[in-house]
Amino acid sequence: MLFGEDFSKEDCAKSKRRFYIVGGLLLLIGVLSLAMPLLASFAIETLVGFFLLAVGFSNALGAYGAFREGVSPWQQAFMAAISIVAGVLFLTHPLAGVMTLSILLAAYFLADGALRVVEYFRMRAVGGSLWVLLSGILSIILAFMMWRNFFEGAVVIGIILGVDLVCGGLSLIMLGRGLSELGKRL
C-alpha cells in the first residue's frame, strides 16, 4: 500500500507510473480549460445536466419497477422527478446552471483543498509531498475566490477549474518524482 507505513520498491514503481499518467492527464485538461475557459464552463454545465437526466431516468425506472411489485418507493420517485427537472433546467438555462455550478464548485474546492492539506500530513516522508500541501492551500484560496465571484459568469468556472487541474496535475507529477527517488533509496 502506498500511503501506509511501509513502502516497497514495487509499490513505489507502480504508484509512480500512475501518478505520472494521472498527473499528465490532469495537466493537459487543465491547460485546455485555461485556453478555452468559456467553452470549458459550458461543457461542464452541459455534462452535469446530462448526468442529472441520467440519474433521474434511472431512478424513475427503479421506482416504476418497485411500484409494479407493489412497493411504494415515493422517495425514489420524488428524487427522480427532482433530478429530471434539474437536468432539464441545466440544459435549457445554461447561464443559471453555470451560476449554480459556481456555488457548488466553491464548496468542492474548499473540501478538496482541506483534504489535500490533511493528505500532506499523512505522507510528509515522500519527496514532493510539499506540492500536495501547496495544491491544497491553492484550492482553498480558489474556493474563496469562486465564492466571492460566482456572479461574474461562466468564464470563472473554466479558469478556476483549469488552475486547479494544472496544480493538481503538477502535484501528482512531482509526487511521482518523489516516489522515484524513494524507490531508488529502497
N, C-alpha and C. Protein backbone atom coordinates (compact mmCIF):
# COMPACT_ATOMS: atom_id res chain seq x y z
N MET A 1 0.85 -1.18 0.00
CA MET A 1 0.00 0.00 0.00
C MET A 1 0.89 1.23 0.00
N LEU A 2 0.55 2.21 -0.81
CA LEU A 2 1.43 3.35 -0.98
C LEU A 2 1.50 4.24 0.25
N PHE A 3 0.38 4.64 0.83
CA PHE A 3 0.40 5.62 1.89
C PHE A 3 0.32 5.00 3.27
N GLY A 4 0.77 3.77 3.39
CA GLY A 4 0.89 3.15 4.70
C GLY A 4 2.24 3.49 5.29
N GLU A 5 2.63 2.75 6.27
CA GLU A 5 3.92 2.99 6.91
C GLU A 5 5.08 2.40 6.12
N ASP A 6 4.84 1.25 5.46
CA ASP A 6 5.91 0.55 4.76
C ASP A 6 5.80 0.80 3.27
N PHE A 7 6.92 1.16 2.67
CA PHE A 7 6.98 1.37 1.23
C PHE A 7 7.85 0.29 0.64
N SER A 8 7.35 -0.41 -0.37
CA SER A 8 8.19 -1.37 -1.07
C SER A 8 8.59 -0.76 -2.41
N LYS A 9 9.64 -1.31 -2.98
CA LYS A 9 10.12 -0.79 -4.26
C LYS A 9 9.06 -0.99 -5.35
N GLU A 10 8.34 -2.12 -5.30
CA GLU A 10 7.31 -2.39 -6.31
C GLU A 10 6.14 -1.42 -6.18
N ASP A 11 5.74 -1.12 -4.93
CA ASP A 11 4.66 -0.16 -4.72
C ASP A 11 5.05 1.21 -5.25
N CYS A 12 6.28 1.60 -5.00
CA CYS A 12 6.74 2.91 -5.49
C CYS A 12 6.73 2.96 -7.01
N ALA A 13 7.18 1.88 -7.66
CA ALA A 13 7.23 1.86 -9.12
C ALA A 13 5.83 1.92 -9.73
N LYS A 14 4.89 1.11 -9.19
CA LYS A 14 3.53 1.12 -9.72
C LYS A 14 2.85 2.47 -9.48
N SER A 15 2.99 2.97 -8.27
CA SER A 15 2.33 4.23 -7.93
C SER A 15 2.94 5.39 -8.70
N LYS A 16 4.26 5.35 -8.90
CA LYS A 16 4.93 6.42 -9.64
C LYS A 16 4.36 6.52 -11.05
N ARG A 17 4.21 5.39 -11.70
CA ARG A 17 3.68 5.36 -13.06
C ARG A 17 2.25 5.92 -13.08
N ARG A 18 1.43 5.52 -12.11
CA ARG A 18 0.06 6.03 -12.05
C ARG A 18 0.03 7.54 -11.81
N PHE A 19 0.89 8.01 -10.91
CA PHE A 19 0.94 9.45 -10.64
C PHE A 19 1.35 10.23 -11.89
N TYR A 20 2.31 9.71 -12.63
CA TYR A 20 2.73 10.39 -13.86
C TYR A 20 1.59 10.43 -14.89
N ILE A 21 0.89 9.32 -15.06
CA ILE A 21 -0.18 9.27 -16.06
C ILE A 21 -1.34 10.17 -15.66
N VAL A 22 -1.84 10.01 -14.44
CA VAL A 22 -2.97 10.83 -14.00
C VAL A 22 -2.57 12.30 -13.92
N GLY A 23 -1.37 12.58 -13.42
CA GLY A 23 -0.90 13.96 -13.35
C GLY A 23 -0.79 14.59 -14.72
N GLY A 24 -0.28 13.83 -15.69
CA GLY A 24 -0.17 14.35 -17.05
C GLY A 24 -1.53 14.63 -17.67
N LEU A 25 -2.50 13.74 -17.43
CA LEU A 25 -3.85 13.96 -17.95
C LEU A 25 -4.50 15.18 -17.31
N LEU A 26 -4.36 15.31 -15.99
CA LEU A 26 -4.91 16.49 -15.31
C LEU A 26 -4.27 17.77 -15.83
N LEU A 27 -2.97 17.73 -16.04
CA LEU A 27 -2.26 18.89 -16.56
C LEU A 27 -2.76 19.27 -17.95
N LEU A 28 -2.94 18.29 -18.82
CA LEU A 28 -3.42 18.54 -20.17
C LEU A 28 -4.83 19.12 -20.17
N ILE A 29 -5.73 18.52 -19.39
CA ILE A 29 -7.11 19.02 -19.32
C ILE A 29 -7.14 20.41 -18.71
N GLY A 30 -6.28 20.66 -17.72
CA GLY A 30 -6.21 21.99 -17.11
C GLY A 30 -5.74 23.05 -18.09
N VAL A 31 -4.74 22.73 -18.89
CA VAL A 31 -4.25 23.69 -19.89
C VAL A 31 -5.33 23.97 -20.94
N LEU A 32 -6.04 22.93 -21.37
CA LEU A 32 -7.14 23.14 -22.32
C LEU A 32 -8.25 23.99 -21.71
N SER A 33 -8.53 23.77 -20.45
CA SER A 33 -9.55 24.57 -19.78
C SER A 33 -9.13 26.03 -19.66
N LEU A 34 -7.85 26.26 -19.40
CA LEU A 34 -7.36 27.64 -19.32
C LEU A 34 -7.35 28.31 -20.70
N ALA A 35 -7.10 27.52 -21.73
CA ALA A 35 -7.07 28.09 -23.08
C ALA A 35 -8.47 28.47 -23.56
N MET A 36 -9.47 27.71 -23.13
CA MET A 36 -10.85 27.97 -23.55
C MET A 36 -11.79 27.94 -22.34
N PRO A 37 -11.70 28.93 -21.45
CA PRO A 37 -12.48 28.86 -20.20
C PRO A 37 -13.99 28.91 -20.39
N LEU A 38 -14.46 29.69 -21.33
CA LEU A 38 -15.91 29.78 -21.54
C LEU A 38 -16.45 28.45 -22.06
N LEU A 39 -15.74 27.89 -23.00
CA LEU A 39 -16.15 26.58 -23.53
C LEU A 39 -16.10 25.52 -22.44
N ALA A 40 -15.07 25.55 -21.61
CA ALA A 40 -14.95 24.58 -20.52
C ALA A 40 -16.09 24.74 -19.52
N SER A 41 -16.47 25.96 -19.20
CA SER A 41 -17.56 26.20 -18.25
C SER A 41 -18.87 25.63 -18.76
N PHE A 42 -19.20 25.93 -20.01
CA PHE A 42 -20.47 25.45 -20.54
C PHE A 42 -20.42 23.95 -20.84
N ALA A 43 -19.25 23.41 -21.13
CA ALA A 43 -19.13 21.96 -21.30
C ALA A 43 -19.39 21.24 -19.98
N ILE A 44 -18.85 21.77 -18.92
CA ILE A 44 -19.08 21.18 -17.60
C ILE A 44 -20.56 21.27 -17.24
N GLU A 45 -21.16 22.42 -17.48
CA GLU A 45 -22.57 22.63 -17.15
C GLU A 45 -23.45 21.67 -17.96
N THR A 46 -23.15 21.48 -19.23
CA THR A 46 -23.92 20.56 -20.07
C THR A 46 -23.75 19.13 -19.60
N LEU A 47 -22.54 18.77 -19.25
CA LEU A 47 -22.27 17.42 -18.75
C LEU A 47 -23.06 17.15 -17.47
N VAL A 48 -23.08 18.11 -16.57
CA VAL A 48 -23.84 17.96 -15.33
C VAL A 48 -25.33 17.81 -15.64
N GLY A 49 -25.83 18.57 -16.60
CA GLY A 49 -27.23 18.44 -16.99
C GLY A 49 -27.56 17.05 -17.49
N PHE A 50 -26.69 16.49 -18.34
CA PHE A 50 -26.93 15.13 -18.83
C PHE A 50 -26.80 14.09 -17.72
N PHE A 51 -25.86 14.29 -16.80
CA PHE A 51 -25.74 13.36 -15.67
C PHE A 51 -27.00 13.39 -14.80
N LEU A 52 -27.51 14.59 -14.56
CA LEU A 52 -28.74 14.69 -13.77
C LEU A 52 -29.91 13.99 -14.46
N LEU A 53 -29.99 14.14 -15.77
CA LEU A 53 -31.04 13.44 -16.50
C LEU A 53 -30.87 11.93 -16.41
N ALA A 54 -29.64 11.46 -16.55
CA ALA A 54 -29.38 10.01 -16.47
C ALA A 54 -29.75 9.47 -15.09
N VAL A 55 -29.37 10.18 -14.05
CA VAL A 55 -29.72 9.76 -12.69
C VAL A 55 -31.23 9.79 -12.50
N GLY A 56 -31.87 10.81 -12.99
CA GLY A 56 -33.32 10.92 -12.86
C GLY A 56 -34.05 9.79 -13.56
N PHE A 57 -33.65 9.49 -14.79
CA PHE A 57 -34.32 8.42 -15.52
C PHE A 57 -34.04 7.05 -14.90
N SER A 58 -32.83 6.84 -14.40
CA SER A 58 -32.56 5.54 -13.76
C SER A 58 -33.35 5.41 -12.46
N ASN A 59 -33.48 6.48 -11.70
CA ASN A 59 -34.34 6.45 -10.51
C ASN A 59 -35.80 6.23 -10.88
N ALA A 60 -36.24 6.85 -11.97
CA ALA A 60 -37.62 6.67 -12.41
C ALA A 60 -37.88 5.22 -12.80
N LEU A 61 -36.94 4.60 -13.49
CA LEU A 61 -37.10 3.18 -13.85
C LEU A 61 -37.14 2.30 -12.61
N GLY A 62 -36.26 2.60 -11.65
CA GLY A 62 -36.27 1.83 -10.41
C GLY A 62 -37.57 2.00 -9.65
N ALA A 63 -38.08 3.22 -9.60
CA ALA A 63 -39.34 3.47 -8.90
C ALA A 63 -40.50 2.79 -9.63
N TYR A 64 -40.49 2.83 -10.94
CA TYR A 64 -41.55 2.18 -11.72
C TYR A 64 -41.57 0.68 -11.44
N GLY A 65 -40.38 0.06 -11.44
CA GLY A 65 -40.29 -1.37 -11.14
C GLY A 65 -40.79 -1.69 -9.74
N ALA A 66 -40.47 -0.84 -8.80
CA ALA A 66 -40.92 -1.06 -7.41
C ALA A 66 -42.43 -0.87 -7.30
N PHE A 67 -42.99 0.10 -7.99
CA PHE A 67 -44.44 0.29 -7.98
C PHE A 67 -45.16 -0.92 -8.57
N ARG A 68 -44.58 -1.50 -9.62
CA ARG A 68 -45.18 -2.69 -10.24
C ARG A 68 -45.18 -3.88 -9.29
N GLU A 69 -44.19 -3.93 -8.40
CA GLU A 69 -44.11 -5.03 -7.43
C GLU A 69 -44.97 -4.78 -6.20
N GLY A 70 -45.61 -3.64 -6.13
CA GLY A 70 -46.48 -3.33 -5.01
C GLY A 70 -45.81 -2.57 -3.88
N VAL A 71 -44.56 -2.17 -4.06
CA VAL A 71 -43.85 -1.39 -3.06
C VAL A 71 -44.10 0.09 -3.35
N SER A 72 -44.02 0.92 -2.34
CA SER A 72 -44.23 2.36 -2.52
C SER A 72 -42.91 3.12 -2.38
N PRO A 73 -42.16 3.25 -3.47
CA PRO A 73 -40.88 3.97 -3.39
C PRO A 73 -41.05 5.46 -3.67
N TRP A 74 -41.83 6.13 -2.85
CA TRP A 74 -42.11 7.53 -3.11
C TRP A 74 -40.87 8.41 -3.06
N GLN A 75 -39.95 8.07 -2.17
CA GLN A 75 -38.72 8.87 -2.09
C GLN A 75 -37.93 8.75 -3.39
N GLN A 76 -37.83 7.55 -3.93
CA GLN A 76 -37.10 7.37 -5.19
C GLN A 76 -37.80 8.08 -6.34
N ALA A 77 -39.13 8.03 -6.35
CA ALA A 77 -39.88 8.73 -7.40
C ALA A 77 -39.70 10.24 -7.27
N PHE A 78 -39.71 10.74 -6.05
CA PHE A 78 -39.50 12.17 -5.81
C PHE A 78 -38.11 12.61 -6.27
N MET A 79 -37.09 11.81 -5.93
CA MET A 79 -35.72 12.14 -6.34
C MET A 79 -35.57 12.05 -7.86
N ALA A 80 -36.28 11.13 -8.49
CA ALA A 80 -36.25 11.03 -9.95
C ALA A 80 -36.81 12.30 -10.57
N ALA A 81 -37.93 12.77 -10.04
CA ALA A 81 -38.54 13.98 -10.58
C ALA A 81 -37.63 15.19 -10.40
N ILE A 82 -37.03 15.31 -9.22
CA ILE A 82 -36.14 16.44 -8.97
C ILE A 82 -34.92 16.39 -9.89
N SER A 83 -34.35 15.22 -10.06
CA SER A 83 -33.16 15.08 -10.93
C SER A 83 -33.49 15.40 -12.38
N ILE A 84 -34.63 14.94 -12.84
CA ILE A 84 -35.02 15.21 -14.23
C ILE A 84 -35.28 16.70 -14.43
N VAL A 85 -35.99 17.32 -13.50
CA VAL A 85 -36.26 18.76 -13.61
C VAL A 85 -34.95 19.55 -13.56
N ALA A 86 -34.05 19.19 -12.65
CA ALA A 86 -32.77 19.90 -12.57
C ALA A 86 -31.96 19.71 -13.85
N GLY A 87 -31.95 18.49 -14.39
CA GLY A 87 -31.23 18.25 -15.64
C GLY A 87 -31.78 19.06 -16.79
N VAL A 88 -33.12 19.12 -16.89
CA VAL A 88 -33.75 19.91 -17.95
C VAL A 88 -33.43 21.39 -17.76
N LEU A 89 -33.48 21.87 -16.52
CA LEU A 89 -33.16 23.28 -16.26
C LEU A 89 -31.71 23.59 -16.63
N PHE A 90 -30.79 22.69 -16.29
CA PHE A 90 -29.39 22.91 -16.64
C PHE A 90 -29.21 22.98 -18.15
N LEU A 91 -29.92 22.13 -18.87
CA LEU A 91 -29.75 22.10 -20.33
C LEU A 91 -30.48 23.24 -21.04
N THR A 92 -31.60 23.70 -20.48
CA THR A 92 -32.36 24.77 -21.15
C THR A 92 -31.95 26.17 -20.70
N HIS A 93 -31.38 26.30 -19.50
CA HIS A 93 -30.93 27.59 -18.99
C HIS A 93 -29.46 27.49 -18.57
N PRO A 94 -28.57 27.48 -19.54
CA PRO A 94 -27.17 27.22 -19.20
C PRO A 94 -26.53 28.28 -18.29
N LEU A 95 -26.91 29.52 -18.40
CA LEU A 95 -26.29 30.54 -17.55
C LEU A 95 -26.68 30.34 -16.08
N ALA A 96 -27.93 30.01 -15.83
CA ALA A 96 -28.35 29.70 -14.46
C ALA A 96 -27.63 28.46 -13.95
N GLY A 97 -27.44 27.50 -14.83
CA GLY A 97 -26.69 26.30 -14.46
C GLY A 97 -25.25 26.60 -14.12
N VAL A 98 -24.65 27.50 -14.88
CA VAL A 98 -23.25 27.88 -14.60
C VAL A 98 -23.15 28.59 -13.26
N MET A 99 -24.11 29.44 -12.94
CA MET A 99 -24.07 30.12 -11.64
C MET A 99 -24.26 29.12 -10.50
N THR A 100 -25.13 28.15 -10.69
CA THR A 100 -25.31 27.10 -9.68
C THR A 100 -24.02 26.31 -9.51
N LEU A 101 -23.40 25.99 -10.62
CA LEU A 101 -22.13 25.26 -10.55
C LEU A 101 -21.04 26.08 -9.87
N SER A 102 -21.09 27.38 -10.01
CA SER A 102 -20.11 28.23 -9.33
C SER A 102 -20.18 28.02 -7.82
N ILE A 103 -21.38 27.99 -7.29
CA ILE A 103 -21.55 27.78 -5.85
C ILE A 103 -21.09 26.38 -5.45
N LEU A 104 -21.49 25.38 -6.24
CA LEU A 104 -21.11 24.00 -5.94
C LEU A 104 -19.60 23.78 -6.05
N LEU A 105 -18.98 24.40 -7.06
CA LEU A 105 -17.53 24.25 -7.22
C LEU A 105 -16.76 24.93 -6.10
N ALA A 106 -17.28 26.02 -5.60
CA ALA A 106 -16.63 26.66 -4.46
C ALA A 106 -16.61 25.72 -3.26
N ALA A 107 -17.72 25.04 -3.02
CA ALA A 107 -17.77 24.08 -1.92
C ALA A 107 -16.84 22.90 -2.19
N TYR A 108 -16.79 22.45 -3.44
CA TYR A 108 -15.88 21.34 -3.80
C TYR A 108 -14.43 21.73 -3.58
N PHE A 109 -14.03 22.89 -4.07
CA PHE A 109 -12.63 23.31 -3.92
C PHE A 109 -12.24 23.45 -2.46
N LEU A 110 -13.15 23.93 -1.64
CA LEU A 110 -12.87 24.05 -0.22
C LEU A 110 -12.65 22.67 0.40
N ALA A 111 -13.53 21.73 0.12
CA ALA A 111 -13.38 20.38 0.67
C ALA A 111 -12.14 19.69 0.10
N ASP A 112 -11.90 19.84 -1.20
CA ASP A 112 -10.74 19.22 -1.84
C ASP A 112 -9.44 19.79 -1.27
N GLY A 113 -9.39 21.08 -1.09
CA GLY A 113 -8.19 21.69 -0.53
C GLY A 113 -7.93 21.23 0.90
N ALA A 114 -8.97 21.17 1.70
CA ALA A 114 -8.80 20.70 3.08
C ALA A 114 -8.31 19.25 3.11
N LEU A 115 -8.85 18.41 2.23
CA LEU A 115 -8.40 17.01 2.19
C LEU A 115 -6.95 16.88 1.71
N ARG A 116 -6.55 17.74 0.78
CA ARG A 116 -5.15 17.70 0.32
C ARG A 116 -4.20 18.12 1.43
N VAL A 117 -4.59 19.11 2.22
CA VAL A 117 -3.75 19.54 3.35
C VAL A 117 -3.62 18.40 4.35
N VAL A 118 -4.72 17.73 4.65
CA VAL A 118 -4.67 16.58 5.57
C VAL A 118 -3.82 15.46 4.97
N GLU A 119 -3.96 15.24 3.66
CA GLU A 119 -3.18 14.20 2.98
C GLU A 119 -1.68 14.49 3.07
N TYR A 120 -1.31 15.75 2.98
CA TYR A 120 0.10 16.11 3.10
C TYR A 120 0.68 15.62 4.43
N PHE A 121 -0.06 15.82 5.51
CA PHE A 121 0.45 15.42 6.82
C PHE A 121 0.56 13.91 6.96
N ARG A 122 -0.18 13.16 6.15
CA ARG A 122 -0.08 11.70 6.19
C ARG A 122 1.12 11.19 5.40
N MET A 123 1.63 11.96 4.44
CA MET A 123 2.69 11.46 3.56
C MET A 123 3.87 12.41 3.46
N ARG A 124 4.20 13.07 4.55
CA ARG A 124 5.31 14.01 4.55
C ARG A 124 6.64 13.36 4.22
N ALA A 125 6.77 12.05 4.45
CA ALA A 125 8.04 11.36 4.23
C ALA A 125 8.37 11.22 2.75
N VAL A 126 7.38 11.34 1.88
CA VAL A 126 7.60 11.18 0.45
C VAL A 126 8.06 12.51 -0.13
N GLY A 127 9.14 12.47 -0.90
CA GLY A 127 9.63 13.68 -1.56
C GLY A 127 8.57 14.20 -2.53
N GLY A 128 8.42 15.48 -2.60
CA GLY A 128 7.43 16.08 -3.48
C GLY A 128 6.07 16.26 -2.82
N SER A 129 5.94 15.82 -1.57
CA SER A 129 4.65 15.94 -0.90
C SER A 129 4.33 17.40 -0.57
N LEU A 130 5.33 18.26 -0.53
CA LEU A 130 5.08 19.68 -0.30
C LEU A 130 4.19 20.25 -1.39
N TRP A 131 4.29 19.70 -2.60
CA TRP A 131 3.45 20.15 -3.70
C TRP A 131 1.98 19.83 -3.44
N VAL A 132 1.73 18.74 -2.75
CA VAL A 132 0.34 18.40 -2.40
C VAL A 132 -0.19 19.44 -1.41
N LEU A 133 0.63 19.84 -0.45
CA LEU A 133 0.24 20.88 0.50
C LEU A 133 -0.04 22.19 -0.22
N LEU A 134 0.86 22.59 -1.10
CA LEU A 134 0.67 23.84 -1.85
C LEU A 134 -0.58 23.78 -2.72
N SER A 135 -0.82 22.62 -3.32
CA SER A 135 -2.02 22.46 -4.14
C SER A 135 -3.27 22.57 -3.29
N GLY A 136 -3.25 22.01 -2.09
CA GLY A 136 -4.39 22.11 -1.18
C GLY A 136 -4.66 23.54 -0.75
N ILE A 137 -3.60 24.25 -0.41
CA ILE A 137 -3.76 25.66 0.00
C ILE A 137 -4.31 26.48 -1.16
N LEU A 138 -3.81 26.22 -2.38
CA LEU A 138 -4.31 26.93 -3.55
C LEU A 138 -5.79 26.62 -3.80
N SER A 139 -6.20 25.36 -3.59
CA SER A 139 -7.61 25.01 -3.76
C SER A 139 -8.49 25.76 -2.78
N ILE A 140 -8.02 25.92 -1.55
CA ILE A 140 -8.80 26.67 -0.56
C ILE A 140 -8.90 28.14 -0.96
N ILE A 141 -7.80 28.71 -1.44
CA ILE A 141 -7.83 30.10 -1.91
C ILE A 141 -8.78 30.24 -3.10
N LEU A 142 -8.73 29.28 -4.04
CA LEU A 142 -9.63 29.32 -5.19
C LEU A 142 -11.09 29.20 -4.78
N ALA A 143 -11.36 28.42 -3.74
CA ALA A 143 -12.73 28.29 -3.25
C ALA A 143 -13.27 29.65 -2.79
N PHE A 144 -12.45 30.38 -2.06
CA PHE A 144 -12.91 31.69 -1.59
C PHE A 144 -13.03 32.69 -2.74
N MET A 145 -12.13 32.59 -3.73
CA MET A 145 -12.25 33.46 -4.91
C MET A 145 -13.53 33.14 -5.67
N MET A 146 -13.83 31.85 -5.80
CA MET A 146 -15.02 31.43 -6.53
C MET A 146 -16.28 31.90 -5.80
N TRP A 147 -16.29 31.78 -4.50
CA TRP A 147 -17.46 32.19 -3.74
C TRP A 147 -17.69 33.70 -3.87
N ARG A 148 -16.60 34.43 -3.87
CA ARG A 148 -16.70 35.88 -3.97
C ARG A 148 -17.15 36.32 -5.35
N ASN A 149 -16.83 35.56 -6.40
CA ASN A 149 -17.09 35.99 -7.77
C ASN A 149 -18.05 35.09 -8.54
N PHE A 150 -18.93 34.37 -7.88
CA PHE A 150 -19.76 33.42 -8.62
C PHE A 150 -20.79 34.09 -9.52
N PHE A 151 -21.05 35.38 -9.34
CA PHE A 151 -21.97 36.08 -10.22
C PHE A 151 -21.29 36.54 -11.50
N GLU A 152 -20.00 36.49 -11.57
CA GLU A 152 -19.29 37.08 -12.70
C GLU A 152 -19.36 36.25 -13.96
N GLY A 153 -20.00 35.16 -13.93
CA GLY A 153 -20.28 34.46 -15.17
C GLY A 153 -19.50 33.19 -15.38
N ALA A 154 -19.63 32.73 -16.57
CA ALA A 154 -19.18 31.40 -16.95
C ALA A 154 -17.67 31.25 -17.03
N VAL A 155 -16.97 32.29 -17.35
CA VAL A 155 -15.53 32.18 -17.57
C VAL A 155 -14.79 31.80 -16.29
N VAL A 156 -15.30 32.25 -15.17
CA VAL A 156 -14.64 31.99 -13.89
C VAL A 156 -14.52 30.49 -13.62
N ILE A 157 -15.55 29.74 -13.96
CA ILE A 157 -15.51 28.29 -13.71
C ILE A 157 -14.39 27.65 -14.50
N GLY A 158 -14.29 27.96 -15.78
CA GLY A 158 -13.25 27.37 -16.61
C GLY A 158 -11.85 27.73 -16.15
N ILE A 159 -11.66 28.98 -15.75
CA ILE A 159 -10.33 29.41 -15.30
C ILE A 159 -9.97 28.76 -13.97
N ILE A 160 -10.87 28.80 -13.02
CA ILE A 160 -10.56 28.23 -11.71
C ILE A 160 -10.39 26.72 -11.82
N LEU A 161 -11.24 26.07 -12.59
CA LEU A 161 -11.09 24.64 -12.78
C LEU A 161 -9.77 24.32 -13.47
N GLY A 162 -9.40 25.11 -14.47
CA GLY A 162 -8.13 24.91 -15.17
C GLY A 162 -6.94 25.07 -14.25
N VAL A 163 -6.95 26.11 -13.43
CA VAL A 163 -5.84 26.34 -12.49
C VAL A 163 -5.76 25.19 -11.48
N ASP A 164 -6.92 24.76 -10.97
CA ASP A 164 -6.92 23.66 -10.02
C ASP A 164 -6.40 22.37 -10.67
N LEU A 165 -6.83 22.09 -11.89
CA LEU A 165 -6.37 20.88 -12.58
C LEU A 165 -4.87 20.94 -12.89
N VAL A 166 -4.37 22.10 -13.29
CA VAL A 166 -2.94 22.24 -13.55
C VAL A 166 -2.15 22.02 -12.27
N CYS A 167 -2.58 22.63 -11.18
CA CYS A 167 -1.87 22.45 -9.90
C CYS A 167 -1.97 21.01 -9.40
N GLY A 168 -3.14 20.41 -9.53
CA GLY A 168 -3.28 19.02 -9.13
C GLY A 168 -2.42 18.10 -9.97
N GLY A 169 -2.37 18.34 -11.28
CA GLY A 169 -1.53 17.54 -12.16
C GLY A 169 -0.06 17.69 -11.84
N LEU A 170 0.37 18.94 -11.62
CA LEU A 170 1.78 19.16 -11.26
C LEU A 170 2.12 18.51 -9.93
N SER A 171 1.20 18.56 -8.97
CA SER A 171 1.49 17.95 -7.67
C SER A 171 1.63 16.44 -7.81
N LEU A 172 0.80 15.81 -8.64
CA LEU A 172 0.92 14.36 -8.84
C LEU A 172 2.20 14.00 -9.58
N ILE A 173 2.59 14.81 -10.55
CA ILE A 173 3.85 14.55 -11.26
C ILE A 173 5.03 14.69 -10.31
N MET A 174 5.02 15.73 -9.48
CA MET A 174 6.11 15.91 -8.53
C MET A 174 6.11 14.80 -7.48
N LEU A 175 4.94 14.33 -7.08
CA LEU A 175 4.85 13.22 -6.14
C LEU A 175 5.40 11.95 -6.78
N GLY A 176 5.11 11.74 -8.06
CA GLY A 176 5.69 10.60 -8.78
C GLY A 176 7.20 10.69 -8.84
N ARG A 177 7.71 11.89 -9.01
CA ARG A 177 9.16 12.09 -9.00
C ARG A 177 9.75 11.75 -7.63
N GLY A 178 9.04 12.16 -6.57
CA GLY A 178 9.48 11.84 -5.22
C GLY A 178 9.45 10.34 -4.96
N LEU A 179 8.45 9.66 -5.49
CA LEU A 179 8.39 8.20 -5.35
C LEU A 179 9.51 7.54 -6.11
N SER A 180 9.90 8.11 -7.22
CA SER A 180 11.02 7.57 -7.98
C SER A 180 12.31 7.64 -7.16
N GLU A 181 12.50 8.77 -6.50
CA GLU A 181 13.69 8.91 -5.65
C GLU A 181 13.62 7.99 -4.43
N LEU A 182 12.41 7.84 -3.86
CA LEU A 182 12.24 6.94 -2.73
C LEU A 182 12.50 5.49 -3.14
N GLY A 183 12.04 5.11 -4.35
CA GLY A 183 12.27 3.77 -4.85
C GLY A 183 13.75 3.47 -5.04
N LYS A 184 14.54 4.47 -5.42
CA LYS A 184 15.97 4.28 -5.58
C LYS A 184 16.66 4.05 -4.24
N ARG A 185 16.11 4.70 -3.19
CA ARG A 185 16.71 4.54 -1.85
C ARG A 185 16.37 3.21 -1.22
N LEU A 186 15.26 2.59 -1.63
CA LEU A 186 14.85 1.32 -1.02
C LEU A 186 15.65 0.14 -1.55
